Each structure stands twice: as structure tokens, then as C-alpha cells.
Amino acid sequence: MTKPEDIQVFDYVNAESSGDANVEESDKRLMELGYKPEFRREMSLFGVLGISFCAIGILTGSSAAFQAGLFSGGPLGLFWGWNICSFFMLLVALSQAEICSAFPTMGGLYFWVAKLKPEFPVLAYCTGWIYAIAMNLTGTSGNLTVALFMASLAEVGSGRILTRLEITAIAWGINILSGLINTIGTKAIGRMSTFNIWWTLGGTFVLVITLLVKAPVKNASEFVFTDFENFTGWNSKGFVVLLGFLQAVYSLEGSETAGQVAEEAVQAEFLAPMAVIGSIVGSWIIGLAYMLALLFSVQSINSIQSTSYAIPIAQLYYDAVGKRLTLMCLAVICLAQFMAAVTAFTASSRLYYALARDNAFPAKGAFMALNRYQAPYVGVWLSVLIGCVISCAYIGSVIAFNAILSSAAIAVMLSYLQPIAIRVFWPSSLTVRGPFHLGKWSWAINVISLAFTSFICVLFILPTGFPVNKNNMNYAVVSVGGIIMIVTTTWICWGRFRYEGPVLTNVTHASDSNEKAT
């Protein structure tokens, strides 16, 4: 076992403060890990933070999934579940940030597993594939949610309910637009991510003030903090409240996305882990303010439960602030959702690049090709294609489509499990520390993070309604099983013959680094 004093800590503190020096230092660290710099480092702290902030999409996640918590535990479950889950998700982010600081490379979760446990390449391969699928499904889910918000805007404005075919057509257009923006490259995504931070802050302020000022009836604090609601059919109050926790976890996933653009960020070994942590802290605070405004302003839970609008929260706004202001509020959330969905395809395309670079994905040359805007465009448009194909399922069955997209949230949590579990059972696996590390608290935080993540993975696949029938069955377990079967099949038939771990493109520096670590 490696002793603490044997762990190598790279000295980034004494690096020069100029932009060029920071770029040089980050490129040096990347070469020490065995990779030649391929991307221009054009992302600042706000750009990298914005990527994670976009991926979490706190306004949109809280809005789109609000009814899930409202019907499973009510205000009591929403308020307390938000704070409890935010705390544990912060611990998960701390665990990830420590690894991200040591390995600031494209590939994120996949590369972390590959470096932590190189003797078991199957772990890294499966983590990479599962996470890539999860990011693709997350982008697809986000783009359909944009379509649902646009449908709700049309429904509130015109009174006409859109068909599933029309909503799917809108989702196709959003998928393609996401691809076009990602094709433009790093600067466009970085600027959009920075803009999203201010849009979310300003938008939250506008939404909160609008709700609290215009709502005709303000709920009492007793209702907001203690009212229990149960539309699930389950008799266990504790279990119903736990089901409501899923709304918070779903809304807070995505902080690790900063690791996907580490090779495009200045001083990535410090900024990327700070973005992982900062995005959770910021989302916790902003999400809490937004949720309290919603709970103080909700006029009728039964009205939301029986709404015909594509997004149920549109009914809450309509009841609280009227038609004209509802259109404004939904537009604010819709744009935030679109920016969140775009970054999911950013993450999936970078992950395809990282997997292809290490022979863990077919067509290596195609997926590693960069256009004039420094974008891995083949991965971008594969993400768009998959998104468009999966969106078609919404036309035939909302239940089937929801099962596919619910599996994205589970797949993300399964991907979280791998590097954290390795750090728990093999504490000495992290032989090199970055500028951010947890010191003596590392193992304890990893243990708690592992326990919480495992618990949530189980909770995500349990039935949310009782009695269980074909209409309320949680088919996510079937979808997740399909993902695991696909990944296992590709490993048996292809991956085990091709993939042996990270393919080093800067062998000299990698050898020197390994000798130092040894």
C-alpha cells in the first residue's frame, strides 16, 4: 500500500500567473499523463463552471421534475429532500473533484477508472461506454424537455394542445440545433456556458420575485415545510418521501461534466475540480430559493395533477401569475433548458473522442477528427442521430420513452460508482495528487459517497406507484438492463480484443511520470 508520504503532489501553486504560463502548466501535466495537447485551451473558470452548471440545469431540472416530488411527499419531501440530497451530492462532487484534479484529461469518469485500476481494463471500458450512453440519453432528454416547454408555451398562448408527433418534430429541430452549436467549437460553448450562469442567476431572481409578488394566495410556512402529499398509492410515508428524493438527485446530476472539457481549459488541474464543486454549491443555493418560491406560490396541487399542459409546472405558473407572465417565465426556463441540453452533447462527443483515442470505440480516425473550430464533429453528430432516433419513441409510447430517459439518470449514477468504489476499496490507487485533495478526510467522504450513490441507484428502479400495473411500472430497470447488455456484448465481441487501457500519445513524459510515481 502506498503511504501518504509516497504520494506525489505536483506543485501548481508556484506556477506563473499569466495566461500563457497557465496553459503551459496544464499542457505539461497532460503530457505527464501521456497525452499530447490536441485542443486549444480557451475556457476560463466561468466557462468550465458554466459547463457543469449547464449540465446540471438547476432551473430546468427543478421545473421539469417538480411534480414528481410534489406528488411523492409534497412540500415536506421537496424541501427536506432537496437539502439532504444536495449535501450528499456535494460529498460525491468532492470525491470526483479530488480525482479530477489528479487526472485533468478528457474522458472524465472513464479515464479516472482507467488510471485508478489499470490492471482491470474491463472496468474502464464499461464505465466509458455506460457514461457515453448516459450523456447521449441526457442530451436527448434535455432536448425533448425543451420541446415540451415550447409546447406548453404554445398551449398557454393559443389554448391548443400539441400532439406527440408535433412535440417530437420540435425535439428533432432542437437536436439538430444542438449539433450545429457544438460543431462551432470550444469558444461558442464556453461563451454560452458563461452566459448560462448569468441567465440562471438573473432568471431565478425574476421567477422568484414574479411568483412571490403576483401569486394571489401565499401559502403558510407550515404548509411549505411540513405538508405531506401522496398520489402514489403507497402506504409507507417514509418510502413516499424517499421517492420524492429522486427529483433532487435528478436535478443535481451533471457536475462531473467539467472533467469532459479539462483539455480545453486553462489551469485545468485546478479550475475543473473547482467547477465540479462550485456547480453543486451554486445549484443547491439557487435551487433552494427557487423551490421555496414555488412552494409558497402553488395555488392547487390537484390542479397541477390534472393539468393538460405538456409540462405540469406550467399549470402552477398559470394559476399563480396568469397567462402573460406564465409565457415569460416558461420562456426563461426554456432557454436555460436548451443550454443545458447542448452541453450534454458536448460531453458525449468529447467522451467518444477519448474512448476512440484509447481504442475503446470503433472508427478511431473519424471520432478523433477535429474540424476548423476544434470540435470532434463526428461524435457530435452521432449524438444528434441517436437523439433523433430515440425521440421517435415518444410518438408511439410516452411510457417507453420515459423508461429510456429514466435509465439515463441511473446510468450516470452507475458511472459515478466506479471511481468512488475503487477509491474506497483501494485507497492507494490514487498515487498522484493534484492541487485539490481531501487529505485525511478522503476515505471517509468516499465511503459516504459510495453508500449514497448505491442507495440512489436502487431507489431509481423501484416502482413509483401502487398497485403496480403496466401503466405505472418503472420500466427503467428494463432499459438499464438493455444498456448493460449492450456494453457487455461489445466488450465480449470487440472490446477485449482491442482495448488494453489508455493509449499514450506522449510516451516520454508518461514514462518519466510513472517513474516518479513509483
Protein backbone atom coordinates (compact mmCIF):
# COMPACT_ATOMS: atom_id res chain seq x y z
CA MET A 1 0.00 0.00 0.00
CA THR A 2 1.23 3.46 -0.86
CA LYS A 3 1.93 5.60 2.19
CA PRO A 4 0.71 9.24 2.25
CA GLU A 5 4.27 10.50 2.18
CA ASP A 6 4.89 8.47 -1.01
CA ILE A 7 2.10 10.17 -2.92
CA GLN A 8 3.42 12.65 -5.43
CA VAL A 9 1.91 16.14 -5.20
CA PHE A 10 2.53 18.37 -8.20
CA ASP A 11 3.44 21.96 -7.38
CA TYR A 12 0.96 24.18 -9.18
CA VAL A 13 0.93 26.92 -6.58
CA ASN A 14 4.24 28.35 -7.75
CA ALA A 15 3.23 28.44 -11.38
CA GLU A 16 3.31 31.84 -13.10
CA SER A 17 0.04 33.73 -13.06
CA SER A 18 -0.09 34.74 -16.72
CA GLY A 19 -2.49 33.01 -19.12
CA ASP A 20 0.33 31.58 -21.25
CA ALA A 21 2.06 30.15 -18.17
CA ASN A 22 -1.17 28.51 -17.00
CA VAL A 23 -1.72 26.98 -20.42
CA GLU A 24 1.86 25.71 -20.46
CA GLU A 25 1.47 24.23 -16.97
CA SER A 26 -1.76 22.45 -17.90
CA ASP A 27 -0.24 21.09 -21.10
CA LYS A 28 2.78 19.90 -19.12
CA ARG A 29 0.51 17.99 -16.74
CA LEU A 30 -1.37 16.48 -19.68
CA MET A 31 1.91 15.29 -21.22
CA GLU A 32 2.95 13.81 -17.87
CA LEU A 33 -0.23 11.73 -18.07
CA GLY A 34 0.84 10.53 -21.50
CA TYR A 35 -1.14 12.70 -23.91
CA LYS A 36 -0.10 15.35 -26.40
CA PRO A 37 -2.21 18.52 -26.26
CA GLU A 38 -4.68 18.47 -29.17
CA PHE A 39 -7.13 21.21 -28.18
CA ARG A 40 -6.67 24.93 -27.70
CA ARG A 41 -7.17 25.92 -24.06
CA GLU A 42 -9.76 28.66 -24.43
CA MET A 43 -12.05 28.07 -21.43
CA SER A 44 -11.77 30.21 -18.30
CA LEU A 45 -13.15 29.43 -14.84
CA PHE A 46 -16.58 30.76 -15.79
CA GLY A 47 -16.53 28.71 -18.99
CA VAL A 48 -15.70 25.45 -17.20
CA LEU A 49 -18.03 26.23 -14.29
CA GLY A 50 -20.72 27.09 -16.81
CA ILE A 51 -20.33 23.69 -18.49
CA SER A 52 -21.14 21.91 -15.22
CA PHE A 53 -23.77 24.49 -14.34
CA CYS A 54 -25.36 24.00 -17.76
CA ALA A 55 -25.26 20.22 -17.43
CA ILE A 56 -26.98 20.36 -14.05
CA GLY A 57 -29.54 22.85 -15.38
CA ILE A 58 -30.91 23.68 -11.96
CA LEU A 59 -33.83 25.82 -13.17
CA THR A 60 -34.86 23.26 -15.73
CA GLY A 61 -34.33 20.11 -13.68
CA SER A 62 -36.23 21.58 -10.74
CA SER A 63 -39.04 22.71 -13.04
CA ALA A 64 -39.35 19.61 -15.22
CA ALA A 65 -39.26 17.17 -12.29
CA PHE A 66 -41.06 19.35 -9.73
CA GLN A 67 -44.32 17.41 -9.98
CA ALA A 68 -42.53 14.12 -9.20
CA GLY A 69 -41.58 15.39 -5.76
CA LEU A 70 -44.86 17.24 -5.27
CA PHE A 71 -46.87 14.05 -5.78
CA SER A 72 -44.42 11.90 -3.76
CA GLY A 73 -44.12 13.57 -0.38
CA GLY A 74 -45.39 17.04 -1.22
CA PRO A 75 -43.71 20.20 0.10
CA LEU A 76 -42.27 18.30 3.07
CA GLY A 77 -40.44 15.85 0.82
CA LEU A 78 -39.38 18.54 -1.67
CA PHE A 79 -37.86 20.91 0.88
CA TRP A 80 -36.12 18.43 3.15
CA GLY A 81 -35.23 16.09 0.28
CA TRP A 82 -33.57 18.95 -1.60
CA ASN A 83 -31.30 19.87 1.30
CA ILE A 84 -30.44 16.28 2.25
CA CYS A 85 -29.69 15.22 -1.32
CA SER A 86 -27.74 18.42 -2.04
CA PHE A 87 -25.49 17.69 0.93
CA PHE A 88 -24.75 14.14 -0.20
CA MET A 89 -24.31 15.18 -3.83
CA LEU A 90 -21.75 17.71 -2.59
CA LEU A 91 -19.82 14.86 -0.97
CA VAL A 92 -19.97 12.96 -4.27
CA ALA A 93 -18.66 16.09 -6.03
CA LEU A 94 -15.78 16.36 -3.54
CA SER A 95 -14.82 12.74 -4.26
CA GLN A 96 -14.90 13.41 -8.00
CA ALA A 97 -13.03 16.71 -7.73
CA GLU A 98 -10.09 15.05 -5.97
CA ILE A 99 -9.68 12.56 -8.82
CA CYS A 100 -10.32 15.22 -11.47
CA SER A 101 -7.53 17.38 -10.05
CA ALA A 102 -5.08 14.48 -10.31
CA PHE A 103 -6.20 13.47 -13.84
CA PRO A 104 -7.37 16.63 -15.69
CA THR A 105 -7.99 14.93 -19.02
CA MET A 106 -10.82 14.47 -21.46
CA GLY A 107 -12.81 11.34 -20.69
CA GLY A 108 -13.65 12.23 -17.12
CA LEU A 109 -15.10 9.27 -15.23
CA TYR A 110 -13.82 6.80 -17.83
CA PHE A 111 -10.21 8.00 -17.66
CA TRP A 112 -10.28 8.18 -13.87
CA VAL A 113 -11.20 4.49 -13.66
CA ALA A 114 -8.57 3.63 -16.28
CA LYS A 115 -5.83 5.33 -14.25
CA LEU A 116 -7.03 4.18 -10.82
CA LYS A 117 -7.29 0.49 -11.75
CA PRO A 118 -5.25 -0.11 -14.93
CA GLU A 119 -4.96 -3.86 -14.27
CA PHE A 120 -8.71 -4.27 -14.97
CA PRO A 121 -9.32 -2.59 -18.34
CA VAL A 122 -12.84 -4.01 -18.48
CA LEU A 123 -13.87 -1.62 -15.67
CA ALA A 124 -12.73 1.46 -17.57
CA TYR A 125 -14.22 0.20 -20.83
CA CYS A 126 -17.64 -0.46 -19.30
CA THR A 127 -17.61 2.82 -17.36
CA GLY A 128 -16.78 4.75 -20.53
CA TRP A 129 -19.49 3.12 -22.61
CA ILE A 130 -22.17 3.40 -19.92
CA TYR A 131 -21.33 7.04 -19.30
CA ALA A 132 -21.25 7.84 -23.03
CA ILE A 133 -24.72 6.31 -23.44
CA ALA A 134 -25.91 8.18 -20.35
CA MET A 135 -24.68 11.52 -21.72
CA ASN A 136 -26.32 10.85 -25.07
CA LEU A 137 -29.62 9.98 -23.38
CA THR A 138 -29.31 13.01 -21.10
CA GLY A 139 -28.95 15.30 -24.12
CA THR A 140 -31.91 13.59 -25.78
CA SER A 141 -33.98 14.01 -22.62
CA GLY A 142 -32.98 17.66 -22.36
CA ASN A 143 -33.89 18.41 -25.96
CA LEU A 144 -37.29 16.75 -25.60
CA THR A 145 -37.85 18.78 -22.42
CA VAL A 146 -37.12 21.93 -24.43
CA ALA A 147 -39.77 20.74 -26.89
CA LEU A 148 -42.22 20.16 -24.03
CA PHE A 149 -41.61 23.67 -22.68
CA MET A 150 -42.13 25.09 -26.17
CA ALA A 151 -45.32 23.03 -26.46
CA SER A 152 -46.51 24.42 -23.12
CA LEU A 153 -45.75 27.94 -24.36
CA ALA A 154 -47.91 27.27 -27.40
CA GLU A 155 -50.66 25.68 -25.29
CA VAL A 156 -50.78 28.56 -22.80
CA GLY A 157 -50.63 31.14 -25.59
CA SER A 158 -53.09 29.63 -28.05
CA GLY A 159 -55.07 27.14 -25.98
CA ARG A 160 -54.36 24.31 -28.45
CA ILE A 161 -52.83 21.09 -27.12
CA LEU A 162 -49.97 19.86 -29.32
CA THR A 163 -49.82 16.24 -30.45
CA ARG A 164 -46.93 13.92 -29.61
CA LEU A 165 -45.90 13.98 -33.28
CA GLU A 166 -45.65 17.78 -33.23
CA ILE A 167 -43.66 17.73 -29.99
CA THR A 168 -41.31 15.10 -31.45
CA ALA A 169 -40.78 17.25 -34.56
CA ILE A 170 -39.79 20.17 -32.32
CA ALA A 171 -37.39 17.85 -30.44
CA TRP A 172 -35.78 16.87 -33.75
CA GLY A 173 -35.18 20.52 -34.55
CA ILE A 174 -33.66 21.15 -31.11
CA ASN A 175 -31.39 18.10 -31.50
CA ILE A 176 -30.09 19.39 -34.81
CA LEU A 177 -29.61 22.92 -33.45
CA SER A 178 -27.64 21.46 -30.51
CA GLY A 179 -25.42 19.70 -33.03
CA LEU A 180 -24.82 22.87 -35.01
CA ILE A 181 -23.81 24.83 -31.90
CA ASN A 182 -21.45 22.06 -30.77
CA THR A 183 -19.90 21.98 -34.24
CA ILE A 184 -18.94 25.65 -33.97
CA GLY A 185 -16.50 24.63 -31.25
CA THR A 186 -14.95 25.46 -27.93
CA LYS A 187 -15.31 29.23 -27.90
CA ALA A 188 -19.03 29.11 -28.66
CA ILE A 189 -19.73 26.52 -25.97
CA GLY A 190 -17.54 28.31 -23.42
CA ARG A 191 -19.27 31.64 -24.05
CA MET A 192 -22.70 30.06 -23.94
CA SER A 193 -21.82 28.34 -20.66
CA THR A 194 -20.63 31.61 -19.14
CA PHE A 195 -23.82 33.30 -20.33
CA ASN A 196 -25.88 30.48 -18.79
CA ILE A 197 -24.50 31.26 -15.32
CA TRP A 198 -25.78 34.83 -15.50
CA TRP A 199 -29.00 33.78 -17.22
CA THR A 200 -29.70 31.27 -14.43
CA LEU A 201 -28.92 33.78 -11.69
CA GLY A 202 -30.96 36.55 -13.30
CA GLY A 203 -33.72 34.18 -14.37
CA THR A 204 -34.07 32.72 -10.89
CA PHE A 205 -34.33 36.22 -9.44
CA VAL A 206 -37.05 37.15 -11.96
CA LEU A 207 -39.01 33.93 -11.40
CA VAL A 208 -38.83 34.15 -7.60
CA ILE A 209 -39.91 37.80 -7.50
CA THR A 210 -42.68 37.22 -10.04
CA LEU A 211 -44.11 34.28 -8.10
CA LEU A 212 -43.94 35.93 -4.69
CA VAL A 213 -45.38 39.25 -5.87
CA LYS A 214 -48.14 38.04 -8.22
CA ALA A 215 -49.41 34.84 -6.54
CA PRO A 216 -52.92 35.68 -5.23
CA VAL A 217 -52.55 33.35 -2.22
CA LYS A 218 -49.28 32.87 -0.32
CA ASN A 219 -49.02 29.56 1.50
CA ALA A 220 -48.19 29.44 5.19
CA SER A 221 -44.74 28.27 6.31
CA GLU A 222 -46.39 25.25 7.95
CA PHE A 223 -47.57 24.11 4.51
CA VAL A 224 -44.17 24.70 2.89
CA PHE A 225 -42.12 22.83 5.48
CA THR A 226 -44.47 20.14 6.83
CA ASP A 227 -47.31 19.39 4.36
CA PHE A 228 -47.27 15.79 3.17
CA GLU A 229 -48.88 14.72 -0.11
CA ASN A 230 -49.22 11.22 -1.52
CA PHE A 231 -50.51 10.49 -5.02
CA THR A 232 -48.51 7.26 -5.34
CA GLY A 233 -50.80 4.70 -3.69
CA TRP A 234 -48.04 3.52 -1.33
CA ASN A 235 -48.97 3.44 2.36
CA SER A 236 -45.46 3.94 3.78
CA LYS A 237 -44.93 7.65 4.43
CA GLY A 238 -41.15 7.21 4.66
CA PHE A 239 -40.95 5.38 1.33
CA VAL A 240 -43.11 8.00 -0.40
CA VAL A 241 -40.83 10.79 0.85
CA LEU A 242 -37.78 8.84 -0.38
CA LEU A 243 -39.38 8.59 -3.83
CA GLY A 244 -39.57 12.38 -3.80
CA PHE A 245 -35.80 12.50 -3.27
CA LEU A 246 -35.37 11.37 -6.86
CA GLN A 247 -36.43 14.84 -8.03
CA ALA A 248 -33.48 16.39 -6.21
CA VAL A 249 -30.92 13.83 -7.40
CA TYR A 250 -32.14 14.10 -10.99
CA SER A 251 -31.83 17.90 -10.82
CA LEU A 252 -28.28 17.80 -9.39
CA GLU A 253 -26.62 15.30 -11.74
CA GLY A 254 -24.01 16.66 -14.15
CA SER A 255 -21.35 18.42 -12.06
CA GLU A 256 -18.67 16.00 -13.31
CA THR A 257 -19.11 17.34 -16.85
CA ALA A 258 -16.33 19.84 -16.19
CA GLY A 259 -13.92 16.92 -16.46
CA GLN A 260 -15.01 16.32 -20.05
CA VAL A 261 -13.55 19.66 -21.18
CA ALA A 262 -10.43 19.60 -18.98
CA GLU A 263 -8.13 19.56 -22.03
CA GLU A 264 -9.80 22.75 -23.28
CA ALA A 265 -9.46 24.72 -20.03
CA VAL A 266 -6.71 26.97 -18.73
CA GLN A 267 -5.19 25.65 -15.48
CA ALA A 268 -7.48 22.63 -15.73
CA GLU A 269 -5.92 20.78 -12.78
CA PHE A 270 -7.39 23.47 -10.50
CA LEU A 271 -10.32 25.01 -12.39
CA ALA A 272 -12.00 21.71 -13.36
CA PRO A 273 -12.32 20.38 -9.78
CA MET A 274 -13.40 23.83 -8.58
CA ALA A 275 -16.12 23.80 -11.24
CA VAL A 276 -17.29 20.33 -10.14
CA ILE A 277 -17.71 21.55 -6.55
CA GLY A 278 -18.86 25.08 -7.31
CA SER A 279 -21.64 23.95 -9.62
CA ILE A 280 -23.17 21.81 -6.85
CA VAL A 281 -22.89 24.54 -4.20
CA GLY A 282 -24.39 27.14 -6.54
CA SER A 283 -27.16 24.79 -7.65
CA TRP A 284 -28.00 23.92 -4.04
CA ILE A 285 -28.50 27.59 -3.12
CA ILE A 286 -30.25 28.67 -6.33
CA GLY A 287 -32.45 25.57 -6.37
CA LEU A 288 -33.49 26.12 -2.75
CA ALA A 289 -34.53 29.74 -3.41
CA TYR A 290 -36.48 28.71 -6.50
CA MET A 291 -38.18 25.78 -4.75
CA LEU A 292 -39.27 27.91 -1.80
CA ALA A 293 -40.82 30.43 -4.19
CA LEU A 294 -42.72 27.63 -5.95
CA LEU A 295 -43.96 26.12 -2.69
CA PHE A 296 -45.10 29.45 -1.24
CA SER A 297 -46.92 30.23 -4.51
CA VAL A 298 -48.58 26.93 -5.50
CA GLN A 299 -52.34 27.51 -5.60
CA SER A 300 -53.69 23.99 -6.11
CA ILE A 301 -51.82 20.68 -6.13
CA ASN A 302 -54.88 18.94 -7.59
CA SER A 303 -54.88 21.42 -10.48
CA ILE A 304 -51.26 20.55 -11.30
CA GLN A 305 -52.01 16.83 -11.00
CA SER A 306 -54.87 17.03 -13.54
CA THR A 307 -53.31 19.54 -15.98
CA SER A 308 -53.38 19.02 -19.74
CA TYR A 309 -50.23 21.11 -20.34
CA ALA A 310 -47.16 19.28 -21.69
CA ILE A 311 -45.14 20.37 -18.62
CA PRO A 312 -47.19 20.25 -15.37
CA ILE A 313 -45.35 23.18 -13.79
CA ALA A 314 -46.89 25.39 -16.49
CA GLN A 315 -50.18 24.94 -14.61
CA LEU A 316 -48.58 26.14 -11.37
CA TYR A 317 -47.38 29.32 -13.10
CA TYR A 318 -50.71 29.86 -14.84
CA ASP A 319 -52.62 29.58 -11.55
CA ALA A 320 -50.14 31.82 -9.71
CA VAL A 321 -49.24 34.62 -12.14
CA GLY A 322 -51.67 34.49 -15.06
CA LYS A 323 -51.30 33.90 -18.78
CA ARG A 324 -48.91 36.70 -19.86
CA LEU A 325 -46.39 36.26 -17.05
CA THR A 326 -46.57 32.47 -17.44
CA LEU A 327 -45.36 32.86 -21.02
CA MET A 328 -42.43 34.98 -19.82
CA CYS A 329 -41.49 32.54 -17.02
CA LEU A 330 -41.68 29.48 -19.27
CA ALA A 331 -39.50 31.24 -21.87
CA VAL A 332 -36.82 31.90 -19.22
CA ILE A 333 -36.79 28.24 -18.19
CA CYS A 334 -36.94 27.00 -21.79
CA LEU A 335 -33.77 28.86 -22.83
CA ALA A 336 -31.94 27.60 -19.73
CA GLN A 337 -33.02 24.05 -20.60
CA PHE A 338 -31.76 24.40 -24.15
CA MET A 339 -28.31 25.48 -23.00
CA ALA A 340 -28.23 22.54 -20.56
CA ALA A 341 -29.11 20.09 -23.33
CA VAL A 342 -26.39 21.47 -25.63
CA THR A 343 -23.68 20.75 -23.05
CA ALA A 344 -24.79 17.12 -22.73
CA PHE A 345 -23.87 16.61 -26.40
CA THR A 346 -20.62 18.49 -25.70
CA ALA A 347 -19.81 15.91 -23.04
CA SER A 348 -20.84 12.88 -25.12
CA SER A 349 -18.82 13.98 -28.16
CA ARG A 350 -15.70 14.53 -26.02
CA LEU A 351 -16.19 11.16 -24.41
CA TYR A 352 -16.45 9.48 -27.82
CA TYR A 353 -13.17 11.22 -28.69
CA ALA A 354 -11.47 9.96 -25.52
CA LEU A 355 -12.74 6.40 -25.99
CA ALA A 356 -11.68 6.33 -29.64
CA ARG A 357 -8.24 7.70 -28.72
CA ASP A 358 -7.74 4.69 -26.44
CA ASN A 359 -9.13 2.09 -28.89
CA ALA A 360 -12.28 1.68 -26.80
CA PHE A 361 -14.55 2.85 -29.61
CA PRO A 362 -14.68 1.92 -33.32
CA ALA A 363 -13.65 4.24 -36.19
CA LYS A 364 -10.82 5.83 -34.24
CA GLY A 365 -9.74 8.17 -37.03
CA ALA A 366 -13.23 9.53 -37.59
CA PHE A 367 -14.06 10.17 -33.93
CA MET A 368 -10.69 11.84 -33.29
CA ALA A 369 -11.02 14.18 -36.27
CA LEU A 370 -11.36 17.86 -35.36
CA ASN A 371 -12.83 20.49 -37.64
CA ARG A 372 -11.58 24.05 -38.06
CA TYR A 373 -13.44 25.02 -34.87
CA GLN A 374 -11.62 22.37 -32.80
CA ALA A 375 -14.80 20.29 -32.38
CA PRO A 376 -14.92 16.45 -32.59
CA TYR A 377 -17.77 16.76 -35.08
CA VAL A 378 -18.32 13.03 -35.77
CA GLY A 379 -19.10 12.44 -32.09
CA VAL A 380 -21.35 15.50 -32.08
CA TRP A 381 -23.46 14.28 -34.99
CA LEU A 382 -23.58 10.70 -33.74
CA SER A 383 -25.10 12.17 -30.56
CA VAL A 384 -27.62 14.09 -32.67
CA LEU A 385 -28.52 10.98 -34.69
CA ILE A 386 -29.08 8.86 -31.58
CA GLY A 387 -31.11 11.68 -30.05
CA CYS A 388 -33.38 11.93 -33.08
CA VAL A 389 -33.91 8.15 -33.27
CA ILE A 390 -34.77 7.82 -29.57
CA SER A 391 -37.09 10.85 -29.74
CA CYS A 392 -39.25 8.89 -32.17
CA ALA A 393 -40.21 6.55 -29.32
CA TYR A 394 -42.19 9.44 -27.82
CA ILE A 395 -44.62 9.25 -30.76
CA GLY A 396 -45.57 5.66 -30.00
CA SER A 397 -45.40 5.47 -26.21
CA VAL A 398 -44.72 8.06 -23.53
CA ILE A 399 -44.15 5.22 -21.04
CA ALA A 400 -41.44 3.61 -23.19
CA PHE A 401 -39.76 6.95 -23.84
CA ASN A 402 -39.77 7.87 -20.14
CA ALA A 403 -38.22 4.49 -19.33
CA ILE A 404 -35.38 5.12 -21.78
CA LEU A 405 -34.70 8.56 -20.39
CA SER A 406 -35.04 7.49 -16.74
CA SER A 407 -32.29 5.00 -17.44
CA ALA A 408 -30.01 7.96 -18.29
CA ALA A 409 -30.18 9.20 -14.70
CA ILE A 410 -29.45 5.70 -13.40
CA ALA A 411 -26.60 5.19 -15.86
CA VAL A 412 -25.00 8.44 -14.68
CA MET A 413 -25.15 7.27 -11.06
CA LEU A 414 -23.75 3.85 -12.06
CA SER A 415 -20.85 5.67 -13.72
CA TYR A 416 -20.29 7.63 -10.51
CA LEU A 417 -20.00 4.37 -8.59
CA GLN A 418 -16.91 3.01 -10.34
CA PRO A 419 -14.16 5.54 -9.46
CA ILE A 420 -15.55 6.15 -5.97
CA ALA A 421 -15.73 2.41 -5.22
CA ILE A 422 -12.13 1.99 -6.33
CA ARG A 423 -11.06 4.80 -4.01
CA VAL A 424 -12.90 3.12 -1.13
CA PHE A 425 -11.63 -0.44 -1.59
CA TRP A 426 -8.19 0.51 -2.94
CA PRO A 427 -7.31 3.81 -1.18
CA SER A 428 -3.76 3.70 -2.52
CA SER A 429 -4.95 3.68 -6.14
CA LEU A 430 -4.56 7.49 -6.35
CA THR A 431 -0.77 7.65 -6.39
CA VAL A 432 -0.61 11.22 -7.72
CA ARG A 433 -2.41 14.17 -6.20
CA GLY A 434 -3.43 17.38 -7.90
CA PRO A 435 -3.65 20.80 -6.26
CA PHE A 436 -7.08 19.91 -4.85
CA HIS A 437 -7.24 16.95 -2.50
CA LEU A 438 -9.22 15.94 0.60
CA GLY A 439 -6.29 14.91 2.78
CA LYS A 440 -7.22 12.76 5.79
CA TRP A 441 -10.95 13.14 5.03
CA SER A 442 -10.65 11.48 1.63
CA TRP A 443 -11.56 7.89 2.56
CA ALA A 444 -14.46 8.85 4.86
CA ILE A 445 -16.01 11.12 2.22
CA ASN A 446 -15.60 8.41 -0.42
CA VAL A 447 -17.31 5.82 1.80
CA ILE A 448 -20.32 8.08 2.39
CA SER A 449 -20.46 8.97 -1.32
CA LEU A 450 -20.39 5.30 -2.29
CA ALA A 451 -23.18 4.41 0.15
CA PHE A 452 -25.40 7.27 -1.06
CA THR A 453 -24.81 6.57 -4.75
CA SER A 454 -25.55 2.86 -4.31
CA PHE A 455 -28.75 3.66 -2.41
CA ILE A 456 -29.95 6.05 -5.12
CA CYS A 457 -29.25 3.51 -7.88
CA VAL A 458 -31.58 1.06 -6.12
CA LEU A 459 -34.21 3.74 -5.39
CA PHE A 460 -34.29 4.81 -9.05
CA ILE A 461 -35.53 1.41 -10.25
CA LEU A 462 -38.25 0.83 -7.64
CA PRO A 463 -41.94 1.18 -8.64
CA THR A 464 -43.23 4.71 -8.03
CA GLY A 465 -46.92 3.73 -7.93
CA PHE A 466 -49.07 1.13 -6.19
CA PRO A 467 -50.68 -1.18 -7.07
CA VAL A 468 -48.10 -1.84 -9.77
CA ASN A 469 -49.53 -2.34 -13.25
CA LYS A 470 -48.39 -1.99 -16.86
CA ASN A 471 -49.13 1.76 -16.85
CA ASN A 472 -47.18 2.75 -13.72
CA MET A 473 -44.46 0.09 -13.73
CA ASN A 474 -40.96 1.55 -13.55
CA TYR A 475 -39.59 0.17 -16.82
CA ALA A 476 -36.27 1.93 -16.24
CA VAL A 477 -34.90 -1.33 -14.86
CA VAL A 478 -35.54 -2.93 -18.26
CA SER A 479 -33.86 -0.04 -20.08
CA VAL A 480 -30.84 -0.14 -17.76
CA GLY A 481 -30.63 -3.89 -18.28
CA GLY A 482 -30.57 -3.25 -22.03
CA ILE A 483 -27.71 -0.74 -21.64
CA ILE A 484 -25.69 -3.20 -19.54
CA MET A 485 -26.35 -5.95 -22.11
CA ILE A 486 -25.17 -3.73 -24.99
CA VAL A 487 -21.99 -2.75 -23.16
CA THR A 488 -21.25 -6.34 -22.11
CA THR A 489 -21.80 -7.61 -25.64
CA THR A 490 -19.48 -5.02 -27.17
CA TRP A 491 -16.77 -5.94 -24.66
CA ILE A 492 -17.04 -9.69 -25.30
CA CYS A 493 -17.27 -9.41 -29.09
CA TRP A 494 -14.96 -6.47 -29.73
CA GLY A 495 -13.53 -4.55 -26.78
CA ARG A 496 -11.50 -7.31 -25.11
CA PHE A 497 -9.53 -7.79 -28.34
CA ARG A 498 -8.85 -4.08 -28.92
CA TYR A 499 -8.82 -2.23 -25.61
CA GLU A 500 -5.88 -2.52 -23.22
CA GLY A 501 -6.14 0.80 -21.41
CA PRO A 502 -5.22 4.40 -22.27
CA VAL A 503 -3.13 4.72 -25.43
CA LEU A 504 -0.34 7.14 -24.61
CA THR A 505 0.44 9.71 -27.27
CA ASN A 506 3.33 11.29 -25.35
CA VAL A 507 5.28 8.27 -24.19
CA THR A 508 8.43 10.07 -22.95
CA HIS A 509 6.66 12.25 -20.41
CA ALA A 510 4.38 9.39 -19.37
CA SER A 511 7.37 7.17 -18.62
CA ASP A 512 9.02 9.91 -16.58
CA SER A 513 5.82 10.46 -14.62
CA ASN A 514 5.40 6.76 -13.90
CA GLU A 515 8.97 6.53 -12.65
CA LYS A 516 8.37 9.45 -10.28
CA ALA A 517 5.12 7.94 -9.01
CA THR A 518 6.83 4.59 -8.47
